[in-house]
Amino acid sequence: MSGELAGFTVGVTADRRRDELTAMLERRGARVVLAPALRIVPLADDTELRAATRACLDNPPDVLMANTGIGMRGWLEAAEGWGLAEPLRSVLSRAYIVSRGPKARGAIRAAGLHDEWSPASESCDEVIEHLRQRGVRGQLIAMQLHGERQPECTAALEAAGANVLEVPVYRWAAPTDPAPLHRLVDLIAGRLVDAVTFTSAPAVDALLRAAGPSTDAVLDAMRSDVLAACVGPVTAAPLRRHGVPVVSPNRARLGALVRTIVDELPQRAISVKVAGHVLTLRGHAAILDGELRPLAPAPMAVLRALASTPGRVMSRAALLRTLPRGADEHAVEMAVARLRAGLRAPGVVQTVVKRGYRLPVD
């Protein structure tokens, strides 16, 4: 077997850096289902961003809240195109600059600016608490946005007495081709993926919108069999509001997200000793004595049902309920035959005459 994630299927909802995330997962053996939930689109005519930039120049902010590296770079690059980069840098250099994370800090410093403070958690809540304690009453805060608005952050700062100028750098749009996202929704609802990754909160909302009438089934799957892996607490918040348990790394990085999945998924695998063999069940494959045996969904469903009560006989009627609707007992026999052929180990799936099938556990 090659790779810690061999036999597992992981859904990727990211658009930006999707190739990087996919490559990291595939290097560890995972099968990846790529389904961007959103795409980042530069503002079509930049009118809102240009208006916000002019507002900063006309009324210099006391505080700059830099949320993302790509957002800060995009803002400064747009200002360069309008011939406003130097005036904007001059205005921002006099502000108290807070960077929400290392990438935002890197963009700030690459622009020749200096940030005063950054939260350990990289969370908006910690930034707001820091600014509250520092005192913002009567001050103007320029909040660089990335994607959707952050009404909770804006409202919290305004409640503390600040005036907030939102600087919209990018907007989210639906994917050009929605078919992969709808396919991922079906796979999650059918529990045919083992994990789904999210790198932004709007992507979570977009997937749930795409689910439509299947939303409850998708949420139920993520509450039980499908691991929801989020890059950080801000991304995880919408899922947690729906009662979905989420795993996320301590640092909001793609590499750390992949390591979290590597740590978590193998622990969910079922292992049994059967007919002198060690059999481990992963998402779309079995591992028999250390050798990966990929299986189609129907034989995998039968194996998973048998492994849920190892040693006990399961009738054809009971196994039929694990297969897609419309299947008959002949489909059960076909699935068992394909399971035996896929495992290539006689005796692992045992027929009990007139009763059904079982795994003869040691």
Protein backbone atom coordinates (compact mmCIF):
# COMPACT_ATOMS: atom_id res chain seq x y z
CA MET A 1 0.00 0.00 0.00
CA SER A 2 1.38 3.43 -0.93
CA GLY A 3 0.30 6.54 0.94
CA GLU A 4 -1.37 7.21 4.26
CA LEU A 5 -4.65 8.07 2.51
CA ALA A 6 -4.73 5.15 0.08
CA GLY A 7 -8.27 3.87 -0.26
CA PHE A 8 -9.90 7.13 0.85
CA THR A 9 -11.84 9.58 -1.31
CA VAL A 10 -11.64 13.30 -0.50
CA GLY A 11 -13.79 16.08 -1.97
CA VAL A 12 -12.07 19.42 -2.69
CA THR A 13 -14.30 22.51 -2.88
CA ALA A 14 -11.52 25.09 -3.34
CA ASP A 15 -11.01 27.04 -6.55
CA ARG A 16 -7.88 29.07 -5.93
CA ARG A 17 -4.97 26.73 -5.09
CA ARG A 18 -7.12 23.70 -5.87
CA ASP A 19 -4.30 22.11 -7.88
CA GLU A 20 -1.93 22.48 -4.96
CA LEU A 21 -4.36 20.92 -2.49
CA THR A 22 -5.27 18.12 -4.91
CA ALA A 23 -1.60 17.29 -5.50
CA MET A 24 -0.86 17.11 -1.77
CA LEU A 25 -3.78 14.73 -1.19
CA GLU A 26 -2.96 12.55 -4.20
CA ARG A 27 0.70 12.28 -3.15
CA ARG A 28 -0.59 10.65 0.03
CA GLY A 29 -2.67 8.16 -1.93
CA ALA A 30 -6.14 9.74 -1.78
CA ARG A 31 -8.60 9.71 -4.62
CA VAL A 32 -9.73 13.33 -5.11
CA VAL A 33 -13.11 14.57 -6.31
CA LEU A 34 -12.57 18.14 -7.49
CA ALA A 35 -15.68 20.33 -7.28
CA PRO A 36 -15.06 24.08 -6.85
CA ALA A 37 -17.96 25.56 -4.90
CA LEU A 38 -17.12 29.15 -5.92
CA ARG A 39 -14.68 31.07 -8.03
CA ILE A 40 -13.02 34.34 -7.14
CA VAL A 41 -13.75 37.03 -9.69
CA PRO A 42 -12.10 40.46 -9.72
CA LEU A 43 -14.72 43.17 -9.49
CA ALA A 44 -15.91 43.60 -13.03
CA ASP A 45 -15.40 47.35 -13.27
CA ASP A 46 -13.72 48.00 -9.89
CA THR A 47 -16.12 50.87 -9.18
CA GLU A 48 -16.73 49.89 -5.54
CA LEU A 49 -13.05 49.29 -4.86
CA ARG A 50 -12.08 52.55 -6.56
CA ALA A 51 -14.70 54.44 -4.53
CA ALA A 52 -13.39 52.87 -1.30
CA THR A 53 -9.82 53.78 -2.28
CA ARG A 54 -10.82 57.39 -2.95
CA ALA A 55 -12.59 57.46 0.42
CA CYS A 56 -9.35 56.35 2.10
CA LEU A 57 -7.41 59.11 0.34
CA ASP A 58 -10.01 61.78 1.18
CA ASN A 59 -10.38 60.68 4.81
CA PRO A 60 -7.30 58.69 5.92
CA PRO A 61 -8.20 55.74 8.17
CA ASP A 62 -6.90 55.48 11.71
CA VAL A 63 -6.79 51.68 11.51
CA LEU A 64 -6.29 49.25 8.61
CA MET A 65 -7.57 45.71 9.12
CA ALA A 66 -5.76 43.55 6.54
CA ASN A 67 -7.58 40.24 6.28
CA THR A 68 -5.86 38.35 3.46
CA GLY A 69 -2.65 38.42 1.47
CA ILE A 70 -4.31 38.06 -1.93
CA GLY A 71 -6.81 40.78 -1.03
CA MET A 72 -4.16 43.31 0.02
CA ARG A 73 -2.06 42.58 -3.06
CA GLY A 74 -5.11 42.91 -5.30
CA TRP A 75 -6.03 46.26 -3.75
CA LEU A 76 -2.54 47.69 -4.17
CA GLU A 77 -2.25 46.34 -7.73
CA ALA A 78 -5.58 47.94 -8.66
CA ALA A 79 -4.42 51.23 -7.14
CA GLU A 80 -1.23 50.96 -9.22
CA GLY A 81 -3.38 50.72 -12.36
CA TRP A 82 -5.23 53.91 -11.41
CA GLY A 83 -2.02 55.76 -10.58
CA LEU A 84 -3.00 55.86 -6.89
CA ALA A 85 -0.56 53.33 -5.41
CA GLU A 86 1.85 55.85 -3.88
CA PRO A 87 -0.85 58.10 -2.37
CA LEU A 88 -2.59 54.99 -0.97
CA ARG A 89 0.63 53.60 0.55
CA SER A 90 1.34 57.01 2.07
CA VAL A 91 -2.10 57.15 3.69
CA LEU A 92 -1.96 53.55 4.96
CA SER A 93 1.56 54.03 6.37
CA ARG A 94 0.09 56.43 8.93
CA ALA A 95 -2.62 54.00 10.06
CA TYR A 96 -2.41 51.44 12.86
CA ILE A 97 -2.22 48.25 10.76
CA VAL A 98 -3.52 44.91 12.02
CA SER A 99 -2.78 41.80 9.92
CA ARG A 100 -5.14 38.88 10.52
CA GLY A 101 -2.50 36.31 9.53
CA PRO A 102 1.00 35.74 8.14
CA LYS A 103 -0.08 36.03 4.49
CA ALA A 104 -1.71 39.40 5.08
CA ARG A 105 1.39 40.47 7.00
CA GLY A 106 3.60 39.37 4.09
CA ALA A 107 1.57 41.44 1.63
CA ILE A 108 1.69 44.46 3.95
CA ARG A 109 5.45 44.26 4.33
CA ALA A 110 6.02 43.60 0.63
CA ALA A 111 4.25 46.91 0.02
CA GLY A 112 6.74 48.68 2.28
CA LEU A 113 4.23 49.05 5.11
CA HIS A 114 4.53 47.89 8.73
CA ASP A 115 1.87 46.04 10.69
CA GLU A 116 1.62 46.62 14.44
CA TRP A 117 -0.15 43.48 15.59
CA SER A 118 -1.41 40.07 14.45
CA PRO A 119 -3.57 37.53 16.35
CA ALA A 120 -2.18 34.11 17.22
CA SER A 121 -5.47 32.49 16.21
CA GLU A 122 -5.78 34.34 12.86
CA SER A 123 -9.44 34.94 13.77
CA CYS A 124 -11.56 38.02 13.18
CA ASP A 125 -12.93 37.78 16.73
CA GLU A 126 -9.47 38.16 18.26
CA VAL A 127 -8.74 41.18 16.04
CA ILE A 128 -11.97 42.85 17.15
CA GLU A 129 -11.23 42.18 20.82
CA HIS A 130 -7.73 43.65 20.42
CA LEU A 131 -9.11 46.80 18.77
CA ARG A 132 -11.82 47.14 21.41
CA GLN A 133 -9.25 47.00 24.20
CA ARG A 134 -7.06 49.48 22.36
CA GLY A 135 -10.02 51.82 21.91
CA VAL A 136 -11.63 52.68 18.57
CA ARG A 137 -14.36 55.15 19.52
CA GLY A 138 -14.54 57.90 16.92
CA GLN A 139 -11.89 56.23 14.73
CA LEU A 140 -12.19 55.24 11.07
CA ILE A 141 -11.30 51.60 10.36
CA ALA A 142 -10.61 50.49 6.79
CA MET A 143 -11.53 46.78 6.62
CA GLN A 144 -10.12 44.98 3.60
CA LEU A 145 -12.66 42.35 2.54
CA HIS A 146 -12.08 39.13 0.67
CA GLY A 147 -15.11 37.66 -1.04
CA GLU A 148 -18.28 38.32 0.92
CA ARG A 149 -18.94 41.05 3.47
CA GLN A 150 -18.25 40.42 7.15
CA PRO A 151 -21.33 41.99 8.76
CA GLU A 152 -20.62 40.52 12.21
CA CYS A 153 -17.14 42.09 12.31
CA THR A 154 -18.42 45.41 11.01
CA ALA A 155 -21.30 45.48 13.51
CA ALA A 156 -19.00 44.64 16.44
CA LEU A 157 -16.61 47.47 15.58
CA GLU A 158 -19.44 49.95 15.06
CA ALA A 159 -20.89 48.91 18.43
CA ALA A 160 -17.51 49.85 19.94
CA GLY A 161 -17.90 53.35 18.47
CA ALA A 162 -15.82 53.04 15.30
CA ASN A 163 -16.73 54.04 11.77
CA VAL A 164 -16.01 51.19 9.34
CA LEU A 165 -15.10 51.60 5.68
CA GLU A 166 -15.37 48.26 3.89
CA VAL A 167 -12.88 47.78 1.05
CA PRO A 168 -14.26 45.10 -1.33
CA VAL A 169 -11.39 43.61 -3.35
CA TYR A 170 -12.88 40.42 -4.77
CA ARG A 171 -16.33 38.92 -5.03
CA TRP A 172 -17.42 35.31 -5.11
CA ALA A 173 -19.32 33.91 -8.08
CA ALA A 174 -20.86 30.53 -8.87
CA PRO A 175 -18.57 28.07 -10.67
CA THR A 176 -18.67 28.27 -14.45
CA ASP A 177 -19.68 24.60 -14.56
CA PRO A 178 -21.89 23.63 -11.57
CA ALA A 179 -22.05 19.92 -12.50
CA PRO A 180 -19.01 18.81 -10.42
CA LEU A 181 -20.43 20.52 -7.32
CA HIS A 182 -23.82 18.81 -7.73
CA ARG A 183 -22.01 15.49 -8.20
CA LEU A 184 -20.07 16.08 -4.98
CA VAL A 185 -23.34 16.85 -3.17
CA ASP A 186 -24.71 13.46 -4.33
CA LEU A 187 -21.51 11.68 -3.24
CA ILE A 188 -21.62 13.28 0.22
CA ALA A 189 -25.32 12.45 0.68
CA GLY A 190 -24.62 8.87 -0.44
CA ARG A 191 -21.58 8.67 1.87
CA LEU A 192 -19.38 7.82 -1.12
CA VAL A 193 -16.64 10.25 -0.08
CA ASP A 194 -14.75 9.95 3.20
CA ALA A 195 -13.93 13.62 3.68
CA VAL A 196 -14.69 17.00 2.15
CA THR A 197 -12.36 19.98 2.47
CA PHE A 198 -13.28 23.65 2.74
CA THR A 199 -10.91 26.62 2.52
CA SER A 200 -13.48 29.42 2.92
CA ALA A 201 -16.78 29.94 4.73
CA PRO A 202 -18.56 31.09 1.53
CA ALA A 203 -17.66 27.71 -0.04
CA VAL A 204 -19.55 25.96 2.78
CA ASP A 205 -22.61 28.12 2.15
CA ALA A 206 -22.35 27.55 -1.61
CA LEU A 207 -22.25 23.76 -1.21
CA LEU A 208 -25.29 23.79 1.07
CA ARG A 209 -27.15 26.04 -1.40
CA ALA A 210 -26.27 23.63 -4.20
CA ALA A 211 -27.59 20.73 -2.09
CA GLY A 212 -31.12 22.19 -2.15
CA PRO A 213 -33.57 19.45 -1.09
CA SER A 214 -30.61 17.18 -0.22
CA THR A 215 -29.28 19.62 2.40
CA ASP A 216 -30.47 17.54 5.37
CA ALA A 217 -28.93 14.39 3.88
CA VAL A 218 -25.62 16.20 3.30
CA LEU A 219 -25.55 17.58 6.85
CA ASP A 220 -26.47 14.17 8.31
CA ALA A 221 -23.62 12.57 6.36
CA MET A 222 -21.12 15.16 7.62
CA ARG A 223 -22.36 14.66 11.18
CA SER A 224 -21.46 10.97 10.97
CA ASP A 225 -19.61 9.24 8.12
CA VAL A 226 -18.10 12.08 6.06
CA LEU A 227 -15.28 14.04 7.69
CA ALA A 228 -15.62 17.83 7.32
CA ALA A 229 -12.11 19.31 7.21
CA CYS A 230 -11.79 23.10 7.29
CA VAL A 231 -8.65 25.18 6.94
CA GLY A 232 -9.48 27.32 9.99
CA PRO A 233 -12.12 28.39 12.51
CA VAL A 234 -13.64 31.12 10.30
CA THR A 235 -14.23 28.54 7.56
CA ALA A 236 -15.61 26.03 10.06
CA ALA A 237 -18.14 28.42 11.65
CA PRO A 238 -21.07 27.81 9.22
CA LEU A 239 -20.80 24.03 9.63
CA ARG A 240 -20.56 24.26 13.41
CA ARG A 241 -23.75 26.33 13.42
CA HIS A 242 -25.42 23.32 11.78
CA GLY A 243 -24.06 20.95 14.43
CA VAL A 244 -21.44 19.39 12.15
CA PRO A 245 -18.26 18.28 13.95
CA VAL A 246 -15.28 19.79 12.15
CA VAL A 247 -11.55 19.11 12.18
CA SER A 248 -9.13 21.92 11.40
CA PRO A 249 -5.40 22.50 11.92
CA ASN A 250 -3.93 24.87 14.49
CA ARG A 251 -2.47 26.95 11.65
CA ALA A 252 -4.63 27.85 8.67
CA ARG A 253 -2.38 26.33 5.99
CA LEU A 254 -3.12 23.83 3.22
CA GLY A 255 -0.24 21.59 4.29
CA ALA A 256 -1.52 21.57 7.87
CA LEU A 257 -5.04 20.80 6.62
CA VAL A 258 -3.76 17.76 4.72
CA ARG A 259 -1.81 16.57 7.78
CA THR A 260 -4.99 16.84 9.85
CA ILE A 261 -6.82 14.64 7.34
CA VAL A 262 -3.91 12.17 7.36
CA ASP A 263 -4.14 12.00 11.16
CA GLU A 264 -7.92 11.65 11.26
CA LEU A 265 -9.13 9.42 8.41
CA PRO A 266 -7.09 6.24 9.10
CA GLN A 267 -8.42 6.27 12.67
CA ARG A 268 -11.92 5.85 11.24
CA ALA A 269 -11.02 2.67 9.35
CA ILE A 270 -12.49 -0.65 10.55
CA SER A 271 -10.07 -3.56 11.03
CA VAL A 272 -10.95 -7.22 11.61
CA LYS A 273 -9.04 -10.51 11.56
CA VAL A 274 -10.77 -12.82 9.09
CA ALA A 275 -9.79 -16.36 8.04
CA GLY A 276 -6.16 -15.76 8.94
CA HIS A 277 -6.00 -12.35 7.26
CA VAL A 278 -5.99 -8.78 8.57
CA LEU A 279 -8.73 -6.88 6.75
CA THR A 280 -9.05 -3.08 6.99
CA LEU A 281 -11.92 -1.17 5.40
CA ARG A 282 -11.31 2.26 3.94
CA GLY A 283 -13.61 4.42 1.86
CA HIS A 284 -13.44 2.77 -1.58
CA ALA A 285 -11.00 -0.01 -0.85
CA ALA A 286 -10.06 -2.83 1.49
CA ILE A 287 -6.54 -3.44 2.71
CA LEU A 288 -5.85 -7.16 2.99
CA ASP A 289 -2.61 -8.02 4.76
CA GLY A 290 -1.19 -4.63 3.80
CA GLU A 291 -2.22 -4.87 0.11
CA LEU A 292 -4.73 -2.34 -1.25
CA ARG A 293 -7.78 -3.86 -2.94
CA PRO A 294 -9.93 -1.17 -4.64
CA LEU A 295 -13.61 -2.14 -4.80
CA ALA A 296 -16.67 -0.83 -6.62
CA PRO A 297 -19.43 0.77 -4.48
CA ALA A 298 -21.76 -2.29 -4.39
CA PRO A 299 -19.18 -4.87 -3.21
CA MET A 300 -17.75 -2.28 -0.82
CA ALA A 301 -21.22 -1.72 0.65
CA VAL A 302 -21.65 -5.47 1.18
CA LEU A 303 -18.23 -5.76 2.82
CA ARG A 304 -18.95 -2.82 5.09
CA ALA A 305 -22.24 -4.39 6.17
CA LEU A 306 -20.60 -7.75 6.89
CA ALA A 307 -17.77 -6.07 8.82
CA SER A 308 -20.27 -4.16 10.97
CA THR A 309 -21.24 -7.50 12.60
CA PRO A 310 -18.17 -9.70 11.99
CA GLY A 311 -18.83 -13.41 12.43
CA ARG A 312 -22.61 -13.06 12.24
CA VAL A 313 -24.57 -14.23 9.23
CA MET A 314 -26.34 -11.56 7.20
CA SER A 315 -29.21 -12.60 4.97
CA ARG A 316 -29.52 -11.60 1.34
CA ALA A 317 -32.49 -9.44 2.30
CA ALA A 318 -30.41 -7.58 4.91
CA LEU A 319 -27.55 -7.05 2.45
CA LEU A 320 -30.02 -5.91 -0.21
CA ARG A 321 -30.84 -2.88 1.97
CA THR A 322 -27.21 -1.72 1.67
CA LEU A 323 -27.42 -1.57 -2.15
CA PRO A 324 -29.00 1.16 -4.30
CA ARG A 325 -32.77 1.19 -4.59
CA GLY A 326 -34.17 -1.07 -7.25
CA ALA A 327 -31.60 -3.82 -6.68
CA ASP A 328 -32.78 -7.42 -6.16
CA GLU A 329 -31.31 -10.51 -4.47
CA HIS A 330 -29.51 -11.37 -7.70
CA ALA A 331 -27.68 -8.03 -7.33
CA VAL A 332 -26.55 -9.17 -3.86
CA GLU A 333 -25.10 -12.36 -5.33
CA MET A 334 -23.33 -10.35 -8.03
CA ALA A 335 -21.92 -7.93 -5.44
CA VAL A 336 -20.64 -10.83 -3.32
CA ALA A 337 -19.05 -12.44 -6.39
CA ARG A 338 -17.34 -9.15 -7.30
CA LEU A 339 -16.26 -8.71 -3.67
CA ARG A 340 -14.59 -12.12 -3.63
CA ALA A 341 -12.91 -11.44 -6.97
CA GLY A 342 -11.66 -8.06 -5.73
CA LEU A 343 -10.28 -9.40 -2.44
CA ARG A 344 -8.56 -12.39 -4.16
CA ALA A 345 -8.55 -14.31 -0.89
CA PRO A 346 -10.68 -17.49 -0.68
CA GLY A 347 -12.58 -17.96 2.53
CA VAL A 348 -12.78 -14.31 3.59
CA VAL A 349 -16.45 -14.05 2.55
CA GLN A 350 -18.17 -17.28 3.58
CA THR A 351 -21.50 -18.58 2.27
CA VAL A 352 -23.81 -20.06 4.90
CA VAL A 353 -26.24 -22.28 2.99
CA LYS A 354 -29.86 -21.02 2.96
CA ARG A 355 -28.97 -18.26 5.43
CA GLY A 356 -26.64 -15.76 3.75
CA TYR A 357 -23.03 -14.61 4.14
CA ARG A 358 -20.56 -13.79 6.88
CA LEU A 359 -16.94 -12.91 7.61
CA PRO A 360 -15.44 -15.83 9.57
CA VAL A 361 -13.51 -13.83 12.15
CA ASP A 362 -10.54 -15.35 13.96
